[in-house]
Amino acid sequence: MVEGVGEEEARDVVLVVDDDPAVLSSLEFALQTEGFSVTTFPSGHDLLQRQLMPPRGCFVIDYYLPGMNGLEVALALRERSIDLPIILITTHPTRSLKQNAAAEGIEIVEKPLLGNTLSEAIRAAFQIGRKRK
């Protein structure tokens, strides 16, 4: 199931999910400025509808999404044997969310996204993903 096409075959890809169009656009711009190849999705459902996933990269998923939250999206990816690293972004994560995410090997980066926190987490996720291969 995890395979890429075109440019995504050669590069790590950041797949970003956020339902706020302004945040999604800002994240795309900021991450592209950092040199990342970025693909965006306005909902978890749209991400899960994608047939092909890149062989390398990571997911950046907002926790607060309509329909299903970011952790539910992450678990749906795992159920489909998609093993790319996942970063949840959220404000004020509960202890329960932190524990559930940690149990699944999912990192949480808290909003507001200050400095290089997210890009550093993505670079670390790329390294983890490469070691798994």
N, C-alpha and C. Protein backbone atom coordinates (compact mmCIF):
# COMPACT_ATOMS: atom_id res chain seq x y z
N MET A 1 0.82 -1.20 0.00
CA MET A 1 0.00 0.00 0.00
C MET A 1 0.86 1.25 0.00
N VAL A 2 2.00 1.20 0.67
CA VAL A 2 2.82 2.40 0.74
C VAL A 2 3.74 2.43 -0.46
N GLU A 3 3.39 3.24 -1.44
CA GLU A 3 4.24 3.43 -2.59
C GLU A 3 4.06 4.84 -3.09
N GLY A 4 5.04 5.33 -3.81
CA GLY A 4 4.98 6.71 -4.27
C GLY A 4 5.00 6.81 -5.77
N VAL A 5 4.81 8.00 -6.24
CA VAL A 5 4.87 8.25 -7.67
C VAL A 5 5.64 9.53 -7.91
N GLY A 6 6.29 9.62 -9.06
CA GLY A 6 6.96 10.85 -9.45
C GLY A 6 7.99 11.33 -8.46
N GLU A 7 7.95 12.63 -8.19
CA GLU A 7 8.92 13.28 -7.31
C GLU A 7 8.90 12.69 -5.92
N GLU A 8 7.74 12.21 -5.47
CA GLU A 8 7.64 11.68 -4.12
C GLU A 8 8.47 10.42 -3.93
N GLU A 9 8.83 9.72 -5.01
CA GLU A 9 9.65 8.52 -4.89
C GLU A 9 11.05 8.86 -4.38
N ALA A 10 11.57 10.00 -4.78
CA ALA A 10 12.95 10.35 -4.49
C ALA A 10 13.13 11.16 -3.21
N ARG A 11 12.07 11.73 -2.68
CA ARG A 11 12.20 12.65 -1.55
C ARG A 11 11.29 12.24 -0.41
N ASP A 12 11.70 12.67 0.77
CA ASP A 12 10.80 12.58 1.91
C ASP A 12 9.69 13.59 1.69
N VAL A 13 8.48 13.20 1.98
CA VAL A 13 7.32 14.06 1.79
C VAL A 13 6.64 14.29 3.13
N VAL A 14 6.24 15.53 3.39
CA VAL A 14 5.47 15.84 4.58
C VAL A 14 4.01 15.94 4.13
N LEU A 15 3.17 15.08 4.69
CA LEU A 15 1.75 15.10 4.39
C LEU A 15 1.06 15.79 5.57
N VAL A 16 0.49 16.97 5.30
CA VAL A 16 -0.06 17.82 6.36
C VAL A 16 -1.58 17.80 6.28
N VAL A 17 -2.22 17.60 7.44
CA VAL A 17 -3.68 17.60 7.53
C VAL A 17 -4.11 18.65 8.54
N ASP A 18 -4.90 19.63 8.08
CA ASP A 18 -5.48 20.63 8.97
C ASP A 18 -6.74 21.17 8.30
N ASP A 19 -7.81 21.30 9.06
CA ASP A 19 -9.09 21.74 8.49
C ASP A 19 -9.19 23.26 8.36
N ASP A 20 -8.27 24.00 8.95
CA ASP A 20 -8.27 25.45 8.84
C ASP A 20 -7.46 25.84 7.61
N PRO A 21 -8.11 26.37 6.56
CA PRO A 21 -7.39 26.68 5.32
C PRO A 21 -6.21 27.63 5.52
N ALA A 22 -6.34 28.60 6.41
CA ALA A 22 -5.24 29.55 6.65
C ALA A 22 -4.05 28.85 7.30
N VAL A 23 -4.32 27.99 8.27
CA VAL A 23 -3.24 27.25 8.92
C VAL A 23 -2.59 26.29 7.93
N LEU A 24 -3.41 25.60 7.15
CA LEU A 24 -2.89 24.65 6.17
C LEU A 24 -1.97 25.35 5.16
N SER A 25 -2.42 26.49 4.67
CA SER A 25 -1.62 27.26 3.72
C SER A 25 -0.34 27.76 4.36
N SER A 26 -0.42 28.24 5.59
CA SER A 26 0.76 28.73 6.30
C SER A 26 1.77 27.63 6.55
N LEU A 27 1.27 26.45 6.96
CA LEU A 27 2.17 25.33 7.20
C LEU A 27 2.84 24.90 5.89
N GLU A 28 2.06 24.84 4.83
CA GLU A 28 2.62 24.45 3.54
C GLU A 28 3.74 25.42 3.14
N PHE A 29 3.47 26.71 3.22
CA PHE A 29 4.46 27.72 2.85
C PHE A 29 5.70 27.62 3.73
N ALA A 30 5.50 27.56 5.03
CA ALA A 30 6.64 27.53 5.96
C ALA A 30 7.50 26.29 5.74
N LEU A 31 6.86 25.14 5.56
CA LEU A 31 7.62 23.91 5.38
C LEU A 31 8.32 23.87 4.02
N GLN A 32 7.68 24.39 3.00
CA GLN A 32 8.34 24.46 1.70
C GLN A 32 9.54 25.41 1.76
N THR A 33 9.40 26.49 2.51
CA THR A 33 10.50 27.43 2.68
C THR A 33 11.68 26.74 3.36
N GLU A 34 11.39 25.78 4.23
CA GLU A 34 12.43 25.01 4.91
C GLU A 34 13.03 23.93 4.01
N GLY A 35 12.47 23.79 2.81
CA GLY A 35 13.01 22.82 1.85
C GLY A 35 12.28 21.50 1.78
N PHE A 36 11.17 21.38 2.49
CA PHE A 36 10.41 20.13 2.47
C PHE A 36 9.48 20.05 1.26
N SER A 37 9.26 18.86 0.78
CA SER A 37 8.22 18.59 -0.20
C SER A 37 6.94 18.36 0.60
N VAL A 38 5.88 19.12 0.30
CA VAL A 38 4.67 19.11 1.13
C VAL A 38 3.44 18.79 0.29
N THR A 39 2.59 17.92 0.83
CA THR A 39 1.28 17.64 0.25
C THR A 39 0.27 17.91 1.35
N THR A 40 -0.80 18.65 1.04
CA THR A 40 -1.76 19.04 2.07
C THR A 40 -3.12 18.39 1.86
N PHE A 41 -3.84 18.26 2.96
CA PHE A 41 -5.18 17.69 2.98
C PHE A 41 -6.05 18.48 3.96
N PRO A 42 -7.28 18.85 3.57
CA PRO A 42 -8.14 19.63 4.46
C PRO A 42 -8.87 18.81 5.51
N SER A 43 -8.74 17.48 5.45
CA SER A 43 -9.40 16.64 6.45
C SER A 43 -8.72 15.28 6.52
N GLY A 44 -8.95 14.60 7.62
CA GLY A 44 -8.45 13.24 7.76
C GLY A 44 -9.07 12.33 6.72
N HIS A 45 -10.35 12.55 6.44
CA HIS A 45 -11.04 11.74 5.44
C HIS A 45 -10.36 11.87 4.08
N ASP A 46 -10.00 13.11 3.69
CA ASP A 46 -9.32 13.30 2.40
C ASP A 46 -7.98 12.57 2.37
N LEU A 47 -7.22 12.61 3.45
CA LEU A 47 -5.97 11.89 3.51
C LEU A 47 -6.20 10.39 3.35
N LEU A 48 -7.18 9.88 4.08
CA LEU A 48 -7.43 8.44 4.06
C LEU A 48 -7.97 7.96 2.72
N GLN A 49 -8.50 8.87 1.91
CA GLN A 49 -8.98 8.52 0.56
C GLN A 49 -7.84 8.38 -0.44
N ARG A 50 -6.68 8.91 -0.10
CA ARG A 50 -5.53 8.83 -1.01
C ARG A 50 -5.13 7.36 -1.19
N GLN A 51 -5.01 6.95 -2.41
CA GLN A 51 -4.69 5.55 -2.71
C GLN A 51 -3.21 5.23 -2.51
N LEU A 52 -2.34 6.12 -2.94
CA LEU A 52 -0.90 5.87 -2.87
C LEU A 52 -0.27 6.80 -1.84
N MET A 53 0.56 6.22 -0.99
CA MET A 53 1.31 7.00 -0.02
C MET A 53 2.78 6.96 -0.42
N PRO A 54 3.52 8.02 -0.10
CA PRO A 54 4.95 8.01 -0.45
C PRO A 54 5.68 6.96 0.37
N PRO A 55 6.78 6.44 -0.18
CA PRO A 55 7.53 5.43 0.57
C PRO A 55 8.34 6.03 1.71
N ARG A 56 8.60 7.34 1.65
CA ARG A 56 9.39 8.02 2.69
C ARG A 56 8.71 9.32 3.06
N GLY A 57 8.84 9.69 4.33
CA GLY A 57 8.29 10.95 4.77
C GLY A 57 7.64 10.83 6.13
N CYS A 58 6.71 11.76 6.40
CA CYS A 58 5.98 11.72 7.65
C CYS A 58 4.67 12.48 7.50
N PHE A 59 3.81 12.26 8.47
CA PHE A 59 2.53 12.95 8.54
C PHE A 59 2.60 14.00 9.63
N VAL A 60 1.99 15.15 9.37
CA VAL A 60 1.76 16.18 10.38
C VAL A 60 0.26 16.38 10.40
N ILE A 61 -0.37 15.98 11.49
CA ILE A 61 -1.83 15.95 11.56
C ILE A 61 -2.32 16.77 12.74
N ASP A 62 -3.20 17.71 12.46
CA ASP A 62 -3.83 18.49 13.54
C ASP A 62 -4.71 17.55 14.35
N TYR A 63 -4.71 17.71 15.65
CA TYR A 63 -5.53 16.83 16.48
C TYR A 63 -7.02 17.15 16.34
N TYR A 64 -7.36 18.43 16.33
CA TYR A 64 -8.77 18.82 16.30
C TYR A 64 -9.25 18.92 14.85
N LEU A 65 -9.84 17.85 14.37
CA LEU A 65 -10.39 17.78 13.03
C LEU A 65 -11.86 17.38 13.11
N PRO A 66 -12.66 17.84 12.16
CA PRO A 66 -14.07 17.41 12.16
C PRO A 66 -14.18 15.95 11.73
N GLY A 67 -15.16 15.26 12.26
CA GLY A 67 -15.40 13.88 11.87
C GLY A 67 -14.60 12.89 12.69
N MET A 68 -13.30 12.94 12.56
CA MET A 68 -12.42 12.08 13.36
C MET A 68 -11.21 12.92 13.76
N ASN A 69 -10.77 12.76 15.00
CA ASN A 69 -9.64 13.57 15.45
C ASN A 69 -8.33 13.03 14.87
N GLY A 70 -7.27 13.77 15.06
CA GLY A 70 -5.99 13.41 14.49
C GLY A 70 -5.46 12.07 14.96
N LEU A 71 -5.70 11.71 16.22
CA LEU A 71 -5.25 10.41 16.71
C LEU A 71 -6.03 9.30 16.02
N GLU A 72 -7.30 9.50 15.80
CA GLU A 72 -8.10 8.50 15.08
C GLU A 72 -7.61 8.34 13.64
N VAL A 73 -7.25 9.45 13.01
CA VAL A 73 -6.69 9.39 11.66
C VAL A 73 -5.38 8.59 11.69
N ALA A 74 -4.53 8.88 12.66
CA ALA A 74 -3.26 8.18 12.80
C ALA A 74 -3.48 6.68 12.98
N LEU A 75 -4.42 6.32 13.81
CA LEU A 75 -4.69 4.90 14.05
C LEU A 75 -5.24 4.23 12.80
N ALA A 76 -6.04 4.96 12.02
CA ALA A 76 -6.56 4.42 10.75
C ALA A 76 -5.40 4.17 9.77
N LEU A 77 -4.40 5.06 9.77
CA LEU A 77 -3.22 4.84 8.93
C LEU A 77 -2.48 3.58 9.37
N ARG A 78 -2.31 3.41 10.67
CA ARG A 78 -1.62 2.23 11.20
C ARG A 78 -2.39 0.95 10.85
N GLU A 79 -3.72 1.01 10.92
CA GLU A 79 -4.53 -0.17 10.58
C GLU A 79 -4.35 -0.56 9.12
N ARG A 80 -3.97 0.39 8.29
CA ARG A 80 -3.72 0.14 6.86
C ARG A 80 -2.25 -0.20 6.60
N SER A 81 -1.51 -0.45 7.68
CA SER A 81 -0.09 -0.80 7.60
C SER A 81 0.77 0.31 6.99
N ILE A 82 0.35 1.54 7.18
CA ILE A 82 1.16 2.69 6.76
C ILE A 82 1.99 3.08 7.96
N ASP A 83 3.28 2.87 7.83
CA ASP A 83 4.18 2.97 8.99
C ASP A 83 5.08 4.20 8.96
N LEU A 84 4.69 5.25 8.24
CA LEU A 84 5.47 6.47 8.26
C LEU A 84 5.30 7.16 9.62
N PRO A 85 6.31 7.88 10.08
CA PRO A 85 6.18 8.59 11.36
C PRO A 85 5.03 9.60 11.31
N ILE A 86 4.42 9.80 12.48
CA ILE A 86 3.28 10.71 12.61
C ILE A 86 3.55 11.72 13.72
N ILE A 87 3.28 12.97 13.40
CA ILE A 87 3.38 14.06 14.38
C ILE A 87 2.00 14.68 14.51
N LEU A 88 1.47 14.71 15.73
CA LEU A 88 0.22 15.41 15.99
C LEU A 88 0.55 16.82 16.45
N ILE A 89 -0.20 17.79 15.93
CA ILE A 89 -0.04 19.16 16.42
C ILE A 89 -1.34 19.55 17.11
N THR A 90 -1.20 20.14 18.28
CA THR A 90 -2.38 20.50 19.07
C THR A 90 -2.01 21.48 20.17
N THR A 91 -3.03 22.13 20.70
CA THR A 91 -2.84 22.98 21.86
C THR A 91 -3.25 22.21 23.11
N HIS A 92 -2.53 22.38 24.14
CA HIS A 92 -2.85 21.82 25.47
C HIS A 92 -3.29 20.36 25.42
N PRO A 93 -2.41 19.43 24.99
CA PRO A 93 -2.80 18.03 24.97
C PRO A 93 -3.02 17.51 26.39
N THR A 94 -4.04 16.71 26.54
CA THR A 94 -4.33 16.11 27.85
C THR A 94 -3.31 15.00 28.14
N ARG A 95 -3.23 14.63 29.38
CA ARG A 95 -2.34 13.54 29.76
C ARG A 95 -2.75 12.26 29.05
N SER A 96 -4.04 12.04 28.92
CA SER A 96 -4.54 10.86 28.22
C SER A 96 -4.10 10.85 26.76
N LEU A 97 -4.22 11.99 26.09
CA LEU A 97 -3.78 12.07 24.70
C LEU A 97 -2.29 11.80 24.59
N LYS A 98 -1.51 12.38 25.48
CA LYS A 98 -0.06 12.16 25.46
C LYS A 98 0.27 10.68 25.64
N GLN A 99 -0.43 10.02 26.56
CA GLN A 99 -0.19 8.59 26.81
C GLN A 99 -0.60 7.74 25.61
N ASN A 100 -1.76 8.04 25.05
CA ASN A 100 -2.24 7.26 23.90
C ASN A 100 -1.34 7.45 22.69
N ALA A 101 -0.90 8.68 22.46
CA ALA A 101 -0.01 8.94 21.33
C ALA A 101 1.34 8.24 21.54
N ALA A 102 1.88 8.36 22.74
CA ALA A 102 3.17 7.71 23.03
C ALA A 102 3.09 6.20 22.85
N ALA A 103 1.97 5.61 23.26
CA ALA A 103 1.80 4.16 23.12
C ALA A 103 1.82 3.72 21.65
N GLU A 104 1.47 4.63 20.75
CA GLU A 104 1.46 4.33 19.31
C GLU A 104 2.71 4.85 18.60
N GLY A 105 3.64 5.43 19.36
CA GLY A 105 4.86 5.97 18.75
C GLY A 105 4.62 7.25 17.98
N ILE A 106 3.62 8.01 18.40
CA ILE A 106 3.24 9.26 17.73
C ILE A 106 3.73 10.43 18.58
N GLU A 107 4.46 11.32 17.95
CA GLU A 107 4.97 12.51 18.66
C GLU A 107 3.91 13.60 18.67
N ILE A 108 3.90 14.39 19.72
CA ILE A 108 3.02 15.56 19.80
C ILE A 108 3.89 16.81 19.82
N VAL A 109 3.55 17.76 18.96
CA VAL A 109 4.18 19.08 18.97
C VAL A 109 3.07 20.07 19.31
N GLU A 110 3.31 20.83 20.37
CA GLU A 110 2.27 21.74 20.85
C GLU A 110 2.26 23.06 20.09
N LYS A 111 1.04 23.53 19.84
CA LYS A 111 0.82 24.86 19.28
C LYS A 111 0.83 25.86 20.42
N PRO A 112 1.22 27.08 20.21
CA PRO A 112 1.63 27.62 18.91
C PRO A 112 2.98 27.03 18.51
N LEU A 113 3.15 26.89 17.20
CA LEU A 113 4.37 26.32 16.64
C LEU A 113 5.43 27.41 16.58
N LEU A 114 6.27 27.44 17.60
CA LEU A 114 7.27 28.50 17.73
C LEU A 114 8.62 28.05 17.19
N GLY A 115 9.32 28.98 16.58
CA GLY A 115 10.68 28.70 16.11
C GLY A 115 10.72 27.54 15.14
N ASN A 116 11.71 26.68 15.34
CA ASN A 116 11.92 25.53 14.45
C ASN A 116 11.39 24.23 15.04
N THR A 117 10.51 24.32 16.01
CA THR A 117 10.05 23.12 16.71
C THR A 117 9.47 22.09 15.75
N LEU A 118 8.59 22.51 14.86
CA LEU A 118 7.97 21.55 13.95
C LEU A 118 8.97 21.02 12.93
N SER A 119 9.75 21.88 12.34
CA SER A 119 10.71 21.41 11.32
C SER A 119 11.75 20.47 11.94
N GLU A 120 12.16 20.73 13.16
CA GLU A 120 13.10 19.82 13.84
C GLU A 120 12.44 18.47 14.12
N ALA A 121 11.17 18.48 14.51
CA ALA A 121 10.45 17.23 14.73
C ALA A 121 10.31 16.45 13.43
N ILE A 122 10.07 17.15 12.33
CA ILE A 122 9.95 16.49 11.03
C ILE A 122 11.29 15.88 10.62
N ARG A 123 12.37 16.61 10.78
CA ARG A 123 13.69 16.07 10.43
C ARG A 123 14.00 14.83 11.27
N ALA A 124 13.67 14.88 12.54
CA ALA A 124 13.88 13.71 13.41
C ALA A 124 13.00 12.54 12.95
N ALA A 125 11.77 12.84 12.55
CA ALA A 125 10.87 11.79 12.06
C ALA A 125 11.43 11.15 10.80
N PHE A 126 12.01 11.95 9.90
CA PHE A 126 12.61 11.41 8.68
C PHE A 126 13.73 10.44 9.04
N GLN A 127 14.55 10.80 10.03
CA GLN A 127 15.64 9.92 10.45
C GLN A 127 15.10 8.61 11.02
N ILE A 128 14.07 8.70 11.82
CA ILE A 128 13.45 7.49 12.39
C ILE A 128 12.89 6.63 11.28
N GLY A 129 12.20 7.27 10.33
CA GLY A 129 11.62 6.53 9.22
C GLY A 129 12.66 5.81 8.39
N ARG A 130 13.80 6.43 8.16
CA ARG A 130 14.87 5.81 7.38
C ARG A 130 15.47 4.61 8.12
N LYS A 131 15.57 4.71 9.44
CA LYS A 131 16.12 3.60 10.23
C LYS A 131 15.20 2.39 10.21
N ARG A 132 13.90 2.61 10.06
CA ARG A 132 12.95 1.50 10.02
C ARG A 132 13.07 0.68 8.75
N LYS A 133 13.53 1.30 7.68
CA LYS A 133 13.58 0.62 6.36
C LYS A 133 14.67 -0.41 6.32
